[in-house]
Amino acid sequence: MFVEPFNPILGAQYIVLGETENAEGVGVMVRARVLNCVDGVNIALLQKAINEQRSFFKEREQKQGDATQPVHAT
Protein backbone atom coordinates (compact mmCIF):
# COMPACT_ATOMS: atom_id res chain seq x y z
CA MET A 1 0.00 0.00 0.00
CA PHE A 2 1.27 3.45 -0.81
CA VAL A 3 0.54 6.80 0.75
CA GLU A 4 -0.46 9.50 -1.71
CA PRO A 5 1.06 11.34 -3.40
CA PHE A 6 3.64 8.84 -4.59
CA ASN A 7 4.31 8.53 -8.28
CA PRO A 8 7.08 5.94 -8.55
CA ILE A 9 9.25 5.63 -11.61
CA LEU A 10 8.93 2.02 -12.75
CA GLY A 11 12.32 0.31 -12.81
CA ALA A 12 13.96 2.99 -10.66
CA GLN A 13 15.89 2.21 -7.48
CA TYR A 14 14.76 3.73 -4.19
CA ILE A 15 16.28 3.92 -0.74
CA VAL A 16 13.79 3.61 2.10
CA LEU A 17 14.29 4.68 5.70
CA GLY A 18 11.69 3.47 8.16
CA GLU A 19 10.60 0.68 10.42
CA THR A 20 9.54 -2.88 9.72
CA GLU A 21 6.36 -4.20 11.29
CA ASN A 22 4.37 -7.41 11.23
CA ALA A 23 0.92 -6.66 9.82
CA GLU A 24 -1.81 -9.27 10.23
CA GLY A 25 -2.78 -10.83 6.94
CA VAL A 26 -0.03 -8.92 5.10
CA GLY A 27 3.20 -10.16 6.67
CA VAL A 28 6.27 -8.00 7.14
CA MET A 29 5.77 -4.44 5.97
CA VAL A 30 8.06 -1.40 5.83
CA ARG A 31 6.58 1.80 7.20
CA ALA A 32 8.58 4.27 5.15
CA ARG A 33 9.48 7.61 6.71
CA VAL A 34 11.80 8.70 3.89
CA LEU A 35 11.73 7.46 0.31
CA ASN A 36 14.31 8.73 -2.18
CA CYS A 37 15.04 7.77 -5.76
CA VAL A 38 18.72 6.86 -6.07
CA ASP A 39 18.96 6.38 -9.83
CA GLY A 40 22.29 7.74 -10.99
CA VAL A 41 23.81 7.53 -7.51
CA ASN A 42 27.05 5.59 -7.08
CA ILE A 43 25.58 2.80 -4.93
CA ALA A 44 29.01 1.53 -3.78
CA LEU A 45 29.91 5.01 -2.56
CA LEU A 46 26.51 5.40 -0.87
CA GLN A 47 27.02 2.08 0.93
CA LYS A 48 30.48 3.20 2.05
CA ALA A 49 29.02 6.44 3.43
CA ILE A 50 26.30 4.54 5.28
CA ASN A 51 28.89 2.20 6.81
CA GLU A 52 31.05 5.16 7.87
CA GLN A 53 28.05 6.82 9.50
CA ARG A 54 27.10 3.63 11.35
CA SER A 55 30.68 3.25 12.55
CA PHE A 56 30.73 6.86 13.77
CA PHE A 57 27.46 6.46 15.70
CA LYS A 58 28.59 3.15 17.21
CA GLU A 59 31.89 4.68 18.33
CA ARG A 60 30.08 7.71 19.77
CA GLU A 61 27.68 5.46 21.71
CA GLN A 62 30.60 3.50 23.14
CA LYS A 63 32.35 6.72 24.24
CA GLN A 64 29.16 8.00 25.86
CA GLY A 65 28.72 4.66 27.62
CA ASP A 66 32.31 4.80 28.89
CA ALA A 67 31.81 8.37 30.15
CA THR A 68 28.77 7.36 32.22
CA GLN A 69 30.56 4.46 33.91
CA PRO A 70 31.43 5.28 37.52
CA VAL A 71 35.12 5.53 38.39
CA HIS A 72 36.12 3.02 41.07
CA ALA A 73 38.18 4.56 43.86
CA THR A 74 40.96 2.34 45.12
PDB file of N, CA and C in Angstrom:
ATOM      1  N   MET A   1       0.857  -1.181   0.000  1.00  0.00           N
ATOM      2  CA  MET A   1       0.000   0.000   0.000  1.00  0.00           C
ATOM      3  C   MET A   1       0.894   1.231   0.000  1.00  0.00           C
ATOM      4  N   PHE A   2       0.495   2.224  -0.722  1.00  0.00           N
ATOM      5  CA  PHE A   2       1.268   3.455  -0.807  1.00  0.00           C
ATOM      6  C   PHE A   2       0.465   4.624  -0.263  1.00  0.00           C
ATOM      7  N   VAL A   3       1.160   5.576   0.275  1.00  0.00           N
ATOM      8  CA  VAL A   3       0.538   6.804   0.746  1.00  0.00           C
ATOM      9  C   VAL A   3       0.634   7.825  -0.377  1.00  0.00           C
ATOM     10  N   GLU A   4      -0.438   8.487  -0.647  1.00  0.00           N
ATOM     11  CA  GLU A   4      -0.461   9.497  -1.706  1.00  0.00           C
ATOM     12  C   GLU A   4       0.190  10.767  -1.205  1.00  0.00           C
ATOM     13  N   PRO A   5       0.775  11.595  -1.996  1.00  0.00           N
ATOM     14  CA  PRO A   5       1.055  11.342  -3.401  1.00  0.00           C
ATOM     15  C   PRO A   5       2.400  10.647  -3.567  1.00  0.00           C
ATOM     16  N   PHE A   6       2.409   9.552  -4.277  1.00  0.00           N
ATOM     17  CA  PHE A   6       3.641   8.836  -4.591  1.00  0.00           C
ATOM     18  C   PHE A   6       3.518   8.338  -6.014  1.00  0.00           C
ATOM     19  N   ASN A   7       4.308   8.914  -6.876  1.00  0.00           N
ATOM     20  CA  ASN A   7       4.313   8.535  -8.280  1.00  0.00           C
ATOM     21  C   ASN A   7       5.657   7.897  -8.606  1.00  0.00           C
ATOM     22  N   PRO A   8       5.780   6.586  -8.350  1.00  0.00           N
ATOM     23  CA  PRO A   8       7.075   5.936  -8.552  1.00  0.00           C
ATOM     24  C   PRO A   8       7.439   5.854 -10.032  1.00  0.00           C
ATOM     25  N   ILE A   9       8.726   5.846 -10.271  1.00  0.00           N
ATOM     26  CA  ILE A   9       9.254   5.628 -11.610  1.00  0.00           C
ATOM     27  C   ILE A   9       9.506   4.130 -11.721  1.00  0.00           C
ATOM     28  N   LEU A  10       8.775   3.462 -12.612  1.00  0.00           N
ATOM     29  CA  LEU A  10       8.934   2.018 -12.754  1.00  0.00           C
ATOM     30  C   LEU A  10      10.357   1.678 -13.194  1.00  0.00           C
ATOM     31  N   GLY A  11      10.968   0.732 -12.503  1.00  0.00           N
ATOM     32  CA  GLY A  11      12.323   0.309 -12.806  1.00  0.00           C
ATOM     33  C   GLY A  11      13.391   1.108 -12.090  1.00  0.00           C
ATOM     34  N   ALA A  12      12.988   2.167 -11.384  1.00  0.00           N
ATOM     35  CA  ALA A  12      13.962   2.992 -10.660  1.00  0.00           C
ATOM     36  C   ALA A  12      14.321   2.330  -9.328  1.00  0.00           C
ATOM     37  N   GLN A  13      15.467   2.713  -8.788  1.00  0.00           N
ATOM     38  CA  GLN A  13      15.890   2.213  -7.483  1.00  0.00           C
ATOM     39  C   GLN A  13      15.593   3.285  -6.439  1.00  0.00           C
ATOM     40  N   TYR A  14      15.099   2.824  -5.279  1.00  0.00           N
ATOM     41  CA  TYR A  14      14.760   3.730  -4.188  1.00  0.00           C
ATOM     42  C   TYR A  14      15.467   3.278  -2.926  1.00  0.00           C
ATOM     43  N   ILE A  15      15.784   4.228  -2.072  1.00  0.00           N
ATOM     44  CA  ILE A  15      16.284   3.919  -0.743  1.00  0.00           C
ATOM     45  C   ILE A  15      15.172   4.307   0.221  1.00  0.00           C
ATOM     46  N   VAL A  16      14.896   3.416   1.169  1.00  0.00           N
ATOM     47  CA  VAL A  16      13.792   3.607   2.098  1.00  0.00           C
ATOM     48  C   VAL A  16      14.341   3.620   3.517  1.00  0.00           C
ATOM     49  N   LEU A  17      13.966   4.625   4.281  1.00  0.00           N
ATOM     50  CA  LEU A  17      14.288   4.675   5.702  1.00  0.00           C
ATOM     51  C   LEU A  17      12.976   4.563   6.452  1.00  0.00           C
ATOM     52  N   GLY A  18      12.918   3.655   7.405  1.00  0.00           N
ATOM     53  CA  GLY A  18      11.687   3.471   8.157  1.00  0.00           C
ATOM     54  C   GLY A  18      11.803   2.303   9.105  1.00  0.00           C
ATOM     55  N   GLU A  19      10.656   1.795   9.483  1.00  0.00           N
ATOM     56  CA  GLU A  19      10.596   0.685  10.421  1.00  0.00           C
ATOM     57  C   GLU A  19       9.881  -0.488   9.760  1.00  0.00           C
ATOM     58  N   THR A  20      10.259  -1.696  10.180  1.00  0.00           N
ATOM     59  CA  THR A  20       9.539  -2.881   9.723  1.00  0.00           C
ATOM     60  C   THR A  20       8.519  -3.251  10.791  1.00  0.00           C
ATOM     61  N   GLU A  21       7.381  -3.746  10.357  1.00  0.00           N
ATOM     62  CA  GLU A  21       6.363  -4.205  11.291  1.00  0.00           C
ATOM     63  C   GLU A  21       5.696  -5.445  10.734  1.00  0.00           C
ATOM     64  N   ASN A  22       5.154  -6.243  11.627  1.00  0.00           N
ATOM     65  CA  ASN A  22       4.370  -7.411  11.226  1.00  0.00           C
ATOM     66  C   ASN A  22       2.919  -6.983  11.171  1.00  0.00           C
ATOM     67  N   ALA A  23       2.317  -7.021   9.994  1.00  0.00           N
ATOM     68  CA  ALA A  23       0.918  -6.657   9.820  1.00  0.00           C
ATOM     69  C   ALA A  23       0.114  -7.927   9.611  1.00  0.00           C
ATOM     70  N   GLU A  24      -0.976  -8.075  10.353  1.00  0.00           N
ATOM     71  CA  GLU A  24      -1.810  -9.270  10.226  1.00  0.00           C
ATOM     72  C   GLU A  24      -2.366  -9.389   8.825  1.00  0.00           C
ATOM     73  N   GLY A  25      -2.249 -10.571   8.260  1.00  0.00           N
ATOM     74  CA  GLY A  25      -2.782 -10.827   6.939  1.00  0.00           C
ATOM     75  C   GLY A  25      -1.913 -10.316   5.805  1.00  0.00           C
ATOM     76  N   VAL A  26      -0.904  -9.494   6.132  1.00  0.00           N
ATOM     77  CA  VAL A  26      -0.032  -8.920   5.103  1.00  0.00           C
ATOM     78  C   VAL A  26       1.369  -9.500   5.209  1.00  0.00           C
ATOM     79  N   GLY A  27       1.831  -9.701   6.436  1.00  0.00           N
ATOM     80  CA  GLY A  27       3.196 -10.160   6.674  1.00  0.00           C
ATOM     81  C   GLY A  27       4.066  -8.990   7.078  1.00  0.00           C
ATOM     82  N   VAL A  28       5.343  -9.074   6.780  1.00  0.00           N
ATOM     83  CA  VAL A  28       6.271  -8.004   7.138  1.00  0.00           C
ATOM     84  C   VAL A  28       6.080  -6.836   6.183  1.00  0.00           C
ATOM     85  N   MET A  29       6.023  -5.645   6.754  1.00  0.00           N
ATOM     86  CA  MET A  29       5.774  -4.438   5.973  1.00  0.00           C
ATOM     87  C   MET A  29       6.758  -3.367   6.426  1.00  0.00           C
ATOM     88  N   VAL A  30       7.195  -2.524   5.496  1.00  0.00           N
ATOM     89  CA  VAL A  30       8.061  -1.399   5.829  1.00  0.00           C
ATOM     90  C   VAL A  30       7.194  -0.150   5.910  1.00  0.00           C
ATOM     91  N   ARG A  31       7.259   0.516   7.051  1.00  0.00           N
ATOM     92  CA  ARG A  31       6.580   1.803   7.195  1.00  0.00           C
ATOM     93  C   ARG A  31       7.620   2.866   6.877  1.00  0.00           C
ATOM     94  N   ALA A  32       7.565   3.336   5.649  1.00  0.00           N
ATOM     95  CA  ALA A  32       8.582   4.272   5.150  1.00  0.00           C
ATOM     96  C   ALA A  32       8.391   5.656   5.765  1.00  0.00           C
ATOM     97  N   ARG A  33       9.468   6.232   6.224  1.00  0.00           N
ATOM     98  CA  ARG A  33       9.477   7.610   6.711  1.00  0.00           C
ATOM     99  C   ARG A  33      10.114   8.518   5.666  1.00  0.00           C
ATOM    100  N   VAL A  34      11.113   7.962   4.952  1.00  0.00           N
ATOM    101  CA  VAL A  34      11.802   8.696   3.888  1.00  0.00           C
ATOM    102  C   VAL A  34      11.937   7.755   2.701  1.00  0.00           C
ATOM    103  N   LEU A  35      11.638   8.257   1.526  1.00  0.00           N
ATOM    104  CA  LEU A  35      11.726   7.462   0.309  1.00  0.00           C
ATOM    105  C   LEU A  35      12.375   8.340  -0.749  1.00  0.00           C
ATOM    106  N   ASN A  36      13.574   7.944  -1.194  1.00  0.00           N
ATOM    107  CA  ASN A  36      14.311   8.734  -2.182  1.00  0.00           C
ATOM    108  C   ASN A  36      14.713   7.878  -3.369  1.00  0.00           C
ATOM    109  N   CYS A  37      14.566   8.430  -4.554  1.00  0.00           N
ATOM    110  CA  CYS A  37      15.040   7.773  -5.760  1.00  0.00           C
ATOM    111  C   CYS A  37      16.556   7.929  -5.809  1.00  0.00           C
ATOM    112  N   VAL A  38      17.261   6.821  -6.036  1.00  0.00           N
ATOM    113  CA  VAL A  38      18.723   6.864  -6.072  1.00  0.00           C
ATOM    114  C   VAL A  38      19.272   6.491  -7.438  1.00  0.00           C
ATOM    115  N   ASP A  39      18.459   6.617  -8.470  1.00  0.00           N
ATOM    116  CA  ASP A  39      18.957   6.380  -9.828  1.00  0.00           C
ATOM    117  C   ASP A  39      20.077   7.378 -10.121  1.00  0.00           C
ATOM    118  N   GLY A  40      21.161   6.882 -10.662  1.00  0.00           N
ATOM    119  CA  GLY A  40      22.291   7.740 -10.995  1.00  0.00           C
ATOM    120  C   GLY A  40      23.272   7.934  -9.849  1.00  0.00           C
ATOM    121  N   VAL A  41      22.929   7.413  -8.669  1.00  0.00           N
ATOM    122  CA  VAL A  41      23.814   7.526  -7.509  1.00  0.00           C
ATOM    123  C   VAL A  41      24.801   6.369  -7.543  1.00  0.00           C
ATOM    124  N   ASN A  42      26.034   6.641  -7.194  1.00  0.00           N
ATOM    125  CA  ASN A  42      27.046   5.594  -7.082  1.00  0.00           C
ATOM    126  C   ASN A  42      26.704   4.770  -5.838  1.00  0.00           C
ATOM    127  N   ILE A  43      26.084   3.615  -6.038  1.00  0.00           N
ATOM    128  CA  ILE A  43      25.584   2.798  -4.929  1.00  0.00           C
ATOM    129  C   ILE A  43      26.718   2.322  -4.023  1.00  0.00           C
ATOM    130  N   ALA A  44      27.871   1.977  -4.601  1.00  0.00           N
ATOM    131  CA  ALA A  44      29.008   1.531  -3.784  1.00  0.00           C
ATOM    132  C   ALA A  44      29.469   2.661  -2.861  1.00  0.00           C
ATOM    133  N   LEU A  45      29.506   3.865  -3.374  1.00  0.00           N
ATOM    134  CA  LEU A  45      29.912   5.010  -2.559  1.00  0.00           C
ATOM    135  C   LEU A  45      28.863   5.326  -1.494  1.00  0.00           C
ATOM    136  N   LEU A  46      27.590   5.199  -1.844  1.00  0.00           N
ATOM    137  CA  LEU A  46      26.507   5.402  -0.873  1.00  0.00           C
ATOM    138  C   LEU A  46      26.619   4.383   0.247  1.00  0.00           C
ATOM    139  N   GLN A  47      26.877   3.117  -0.090  1.00  0.00           N
ATOM    140  CA  GLN A  47      27.023   2.079   0.928  1.00  0.00           C
ATOM    141  C   GLN A  47      28.215   2.368   1.832  1.00  0.00           C
ATOM    142  N   LYS A  48      29.304   2.852   1.249  1.00  0.00           N
ATOM    143  CA  LYS A  48      30.483   3.196   2.047  1.00  0.00           C
ATOM    144  C   LYS A  48      30.154   4.330   3.021  1.00  0.00           C
ATOM    145  N   ALA A  49      29.408   5.324   2.562  1.00  0.00           N
ATOM    146  CA  ALA A  49      29.024   6.445   3.426  1.00  0.00           C
ATOM    147  C   ALA A  49      28.119   5.974   4.564  1.00  0.00           C
ATOM    148  N   ILE A  50      27.191   5.076   4.254  1.00  0.00           N
ATOM    149  CA  ILE A  50      26.297   4.539   5.282  1.00  0.00           C
ATOM    150  C   ILE A  50      27.098   3.767   6.321  1.00  0.00           C
ATOM    151  N   ASN A  51      28.048   2.956   5.872  1.00  0.00           N
ATOM    152  CA  ASN A  51      28.891   2.196   6.806  1.00  0.00           C
ATOM    153  C   ASN A  51      29.731   3.118   7.679  1.00  0.00           C
ATOM    154  N   GLU A  52      30.270   4.192   7.096  1.00  0.00           N
ATOM    155  CA  GLU A  52      31.051   5.159   7.871  1.00  0.00           C
ATOM    156  C   GLU A  52      30.183   5.826   8.931  1.00  0.00           C
ATOM    157  N   GLN A  53      28.953   6.174   8.557  1.00  0.00           N
ATOM    158  CA  GLN A  53      28.051   6.821   9.504  1.00  0.00           C
ATOM    159  C   GLN A  53      27.695   5.864  10.642  1.00  0.00           C
ATOM    160  N   ARG A  54      27.413   4.616  10.311  1.00  0.00           N
ATOM    161  CA  ARG A  54      27.099   3.626  11.348  1.00  0.00           C
ATOM    162  C   ARG A  54      28.278   3.447  12.297  1.00  0.00           C
ATOM    163  N   SER A  55      29.484   3.399  11.740  1.00  0.00           N
ATOM    164  CA  SER A  55      30.683   3.249  12.546  1.00  0.00           C
ATOM    165  C   SER A  55      30.854   4.446  13.486  1.00  0.00           C
ATOM    166  N   PHE A  56      30.616   5.648  12.964  1.00  0.00           N
ATOM    167  CA  PHE A  56      30.727   6.862  13.773  1.00  0.00           C
ATOM    168  C   PHE A  56      29.737   6.825  14.936  1.00  0.00           C
ATOM    169  N   PHE A  57      28.469   6.491  14.653  1.00  0.00           N
ATOM    170  CA  PHE A  57      27.458   6.456  15.704  1.00  0.00           C
ATOM    171  C   PHE A  57      27.760   5.377  16.736  1.00  0.00           C
ATOM    172  N   LYS A  58      28.246   4.222  16.278  1.00  0.00           N
ATOM    173  CA  LYS A  58      28.593   3.146  17.207  1.00  0.00           C
ATOM    174  C   LYS A  58      29.739   3.578  18.125  1.00  0.00           C
ATOM    175  N   GLU A  59      30.756   4.211  17.546  1.00  0.00           N
ATOM    176  CA  GLU A  59      31.893   4.683  18.335  1.00  0.00           C
ATOM    177  C   GLU A  59      31.442   5.749  19.332  1.00  0.00           C
ATOM    178  N   ARG A  60      30.573   6.647  18.891  1.00  0.00           N
ATOM    179  CA  ARG A  60      30.080   7.713  19.771  1.00  0.00           C
ATOM    180  C   ARG A  60      29.272   7.132  20.929  1.00  0.00           C
ATOM    181  N   GLU A  61      28.453   6.113  20.651  1.00  0.00           N
ATOM    182  CA  GLU A  61      27.680   5.462  21.709  1.00  0.00           C
ATOM    183  C   GLU A  61      28.600   4.810  22.729  1.00  0.00           C
ATOM    184  N   GLN A  62      29.662   4.157  22.228  1.00  0.00           N
ATOM    185  CA  GLN A  62      30.602   3.502  23.137  1.00  0.00           C
ATOM    186  C   GLN A  62      31.297   4.529  24.021  1.00  0.00           C
ATOM    187  N   LYS A  63      31.688   5.672  23.448  1.00  0.00           N
ATOM    188  CA  LYS A  63      32.353   6.716  24.236  1.00  0.00           C
ATOM    189  C   LYS A  63      31.411   7.295  25.278  1.00  0.00           C
ATOM    190  N   GLN A  64      30.130   7.478  24.906  1.00  0.00           N
ATOM    191  CA  GLN A  64      29.156   8.002  25.862  1.00  0.00           C
ATOM    192  C   GLN A  64      28.907   6.991  26.972  1.00  0.00           C
ATOM    193  N   GLY A  65      28.897   5.706  26.617  1.00  0.00           N
ATOM    194  CA  GLY A  65      28.724   4.657  27.624  1.00  0.00           C
ATOM    195  C   GLY A  65      29.899   4.610  28.582  1.00  0.00           C
ATOM    196  N   ASP A  66      31.112   4.794  28.048  1.00  0.00           N
ATOM    197  CA  ASP A  66      32.306   4.803  28.892  1.00  0.00           C
ATOM    198  C   ASP A  66      32.311   6.013  29.817  1.00  0.00           C
ATOM    199  N   ALA A  67      31.820   7.139  29.350  1.00  0.00           N
ATOM    200  CA  ALA A  67      31.815   8.372  30.146  1.00  0.00           C
ATOM    201  C   ALA A  67      30.825   8.287  31.291  1.00  0.00           C
ATOM    202  N   THR A  68      29.780   7.478  31.158  1.00  0.00           N
ATOM    203  CA  THR A  68      28.767   7.362  32.224  1.00  0.00           C
ATOM    204  C   THR A  68      29.113   6.290  33.226  1.00  0.00           C
ATOM    205  N   GLN A  69      30.157   5.490  32.970  1.00  0.00           N
ATOM    206  CA  GLN A  69      30.560   4.464  33.907  1.00  0.00           C
ATOM    207  C   GLN A  69      31.205   5.114  35.121  1.00  0.00           C
ATOM    208  N   PRO A  70      30.816   4.693  36.321  1.00  0.00           N
ATOM    209  CA  PRO A  70      31.428   5.282  37.524  1.00  0.00           C
ATOM    210  C   PRO A  70      32.893   4.876  37.656  1.00  0.00           C
ATOM    211  N   VAL A  71      33.693   5.793  38.173  1.00  0.00           N
ATOM    212  CA  VAL A  71      35.116   5.532  38.386  1.00  0.00           C
ATOM    213  C   VAL A  71      35.246   4.888  39.764  1.00  0.00           C
ATOM    214  N   HIS A  72      35.942   3.742  39.796  1.00  0.00           N
ATOM    215  CA  HIS A  72      36.121   3.023  41.070  1.00  0.00           C
ATOM    216  C   HIS A  72      37.322   3.601  41.811  1.00  0.00           C
ATOM    217  N   ALA A  73      37.082   4.035  43.030  1.00  0.00           N
ATOM    218  CA  ALA A  73      38.177   4.562  43.861  1.00  0.00           C
ATOM    219  C   ALA A  73      38.875   3.392  44.533  1.00  0.00           C
ATOM    220  N   THR A  74      40.210   3.412  44.483  1.00  0.00           N
ATOM    221  CA  THR A  74      40.963   2.335  45.121  1.00  0.00           C
ATOM    222  C   THR A  74      41.883   2.893  46.159  1.00  0.00           C
TER     223      THR A  74
END
